[in-house]
Amino acid sequence: MTPVVLALFLAIATFVHGQAPGDGSDLCTEDSIQGFPNPFFEIRPVYSASERPLMDSRDYLRLLQESGDAYVPWQSLDRDNNNTNMVVTEWTQTGTATCQGTVTACGFSVGAQENWLITQHINTVLPGGGGERLRKVTVQFEGTLNGCDISRQCRQSFELYKWETSAIDRNGATNTNNYVRVGRVSPSVTSGVTSFVDSHSIELGTTGGFYLGVVDLSTCVTLTRILVLYYVCPQETSELISRTEAIESQSLEGSPSVEGECVENSSTESGTNPILICGARGQWQVIKPCLCNPGYELDGSQDQCSECPEGTFSSGLGNGPCETCAANSDGTGTALSLCPCLQDYYRAPYEGPSVPCTQSPGPPSDLRVSNVTNTSAVLSWSPPDNGGGRPLYEIVYTIHIHDGSSTLKKVVNSTETIVTGLTPGVLYTFSVSAENDVSSQDNNINARTVNISIATVPSSVRDIQEHCTVVVWKEPAETNGPIESYLLTFRREDLSTSVASSPTYHYYVIQPRDIPPGVGPVTVEVRARNAIGLGPLSQPPVTIYCLSENPSPAPMPTPTTPECPSCPPPVTCSPAATPLPCPTCPSCPTPTCPLITSSPCPNECSLCPSIAESPPEPSSPLPLLCPTQSSCPPCEECPMEEFNVPAT
């Protein structure tokens, strides 16, 4: 630079203001002077995006006044008055480099010191016209400790004071009685290292400005830079939040919140704007974050959300990567929040979208019925061969019990159950369905169901009537298959006897075998038997009056040979007719009629078929065998005679 240009720069730089910020030398703060590049600007400190300087010692050509200087910003006071011709104990400017002025205090060797370094007025009213005042600033010191000897009362610290005032003091603000101590700066240095950087926070009122006092109390220190600043959280877009500039929290009771705005394809969990706090030293703290919307993921820049590619999904708010679609689901398309299940595949209500889709189980196998009684049956089966892709332990079985008019439901988790409460004589159908945790969404219940039908024992025998020693009845209304036999139970007092009968509708009482001994009424009850078992006892019991007064059965009389009766007109015997037992007739030969069953008594007449299609009414004549002698011609057909059994 030519001497003329340098002289021009220095002439311009001598004009300074008495209030920071804005009173620095153009030579230190501008990149060019009247169109000429400024070589000193290249050494100007660089501030971070969060720093807002109020006063920086690097903005001035010199800090303390020297002979011939115009007004300079700072003042030095020797309050202990022990400057000598040999030693200057107050703060002095030691650096001569342009825009890099330094100050030093090191007078401890001549006694106790109290030397004040007072800055120019620092304005704390924020720009913008709103009149907002800073309530907190930070003072940053850079310097060196110059071999302080503890034995000679040298301190490795200095004191900070402030005088809060909104106006510039044209007297240099040298009245120290106006100042209030705010703290002590004790630089932390390690062995062999004397340089330091130390910061101190100062709380302020609402006056809008202050003077800063740095007091040397017998130390030996050189300050290469004093920076007064405040912090802001910068305007930026990061973490999916677009935010405007905010000042570091000024509240002494806590940090106020600031609203931001979520970037495209992101939102907060509540759907409102994100909330932040501008924390210490201008660091954003996110209180209510923004997250990528379903179907989107955080891209590599961390500042925006991108669509999930085909075959992947993102189910909820979050900044994680998109997931690959699970098995048996459809990943067609981009920005999917869910990969839906393919047809006939489902997820359980408690399963998330990352879980593979599964199916209902197949039907149970080998369904069978056992241990059937009058009112119960045991159902058993084997688990399905196909569990639908789900664990077999979660399968339950739903049993529907149909009786033709109503349906009952029962749910079990085993492969066997006892069904109770069945009604004799009713045909039941049992439907067993296998179900897992997705079956409630599958309407095709027939595909997982097996059925089996069973008949219970017969219902009660109907219309029981007695004709002294003959008991007749009608078949049960519900036989549930062919009737195999009937069981008659005779009761007298506390005794009973049971006699099995052929599947006919009547029975000839045989004494004394059938009737319990004793005195008192004789009752009879009849039960029908099919392939399943015995039906219920007929109700109420029927009393046989002609047998009820006999104290005990009399011995059978000696049979006599009756005369040969004349044969009645021929009557055709019907093979389909129901047979009736013959009366006791030991001397009768085997008749020529077709025989159906053997006589229950040895050496007695066999049974003849009845010509009637149904049991005869009590007033109807009952068919009997023909009493014949060997000399009598055989009867070709059975006659119909009134039943008359000789007294026994």
Foldseek 3Di string as FASTA:
>chain_A
DDPVVVVVQVVQQLQADQEWDPGFGCLQVPQADPPHGRPNVVVHDDDDLWWDFGDKLLRYQEAEDDPPGDDHFKDKDWPVPPADPVHDQIWDWDDNDGSFIKIKGADLQRHWGKMKMKGGKGFQQDPDPPRDGFFKKKKKWKWFFDPADVVSVAAQKWWKWKADALDTDPVRPPPCVRIDTDGMDRFDDDPPGTIGMDMDMDGHDSRGIMMMMIIGGRHTMMTRMITMIFTKQDQDFALQWGDHIGGAARDPVDFDKDFTAGHPQKAFPVRDTWIWTQHPRRDIGTDTGIFGAWQWEQDPVRRDTDGADFQWTAQGTHHDHTHGFAAQFHRPDISHNAGHHDPQWADFPVDDRNDHTWHWAFAWADWDWDDAAQFKIKIFTHGGPGRRPDDLQQKKKWKWKDQPPDIDIDIGRHGMDMGGGHHALTKIKIKIFIGGRGCVVPPPRVRHIDMDIAHHAAAFWADWDDDQQKIFTHGGPRHRADFQWKKKWKDDDHDIDIDIGGPAGMAGHDPPVHHDAAAAWIWMWMWTGDPNGTYDTDPDTDTNVVPRGDNGDDDDDDDDQDDADDADDDDDADPQAGKDAAAFDLQADAAQADADDQHPDPSGYGIHGDNDNHDDDPPAFDWHAGRDHPPDDGHNHTDTDHDDHDRD
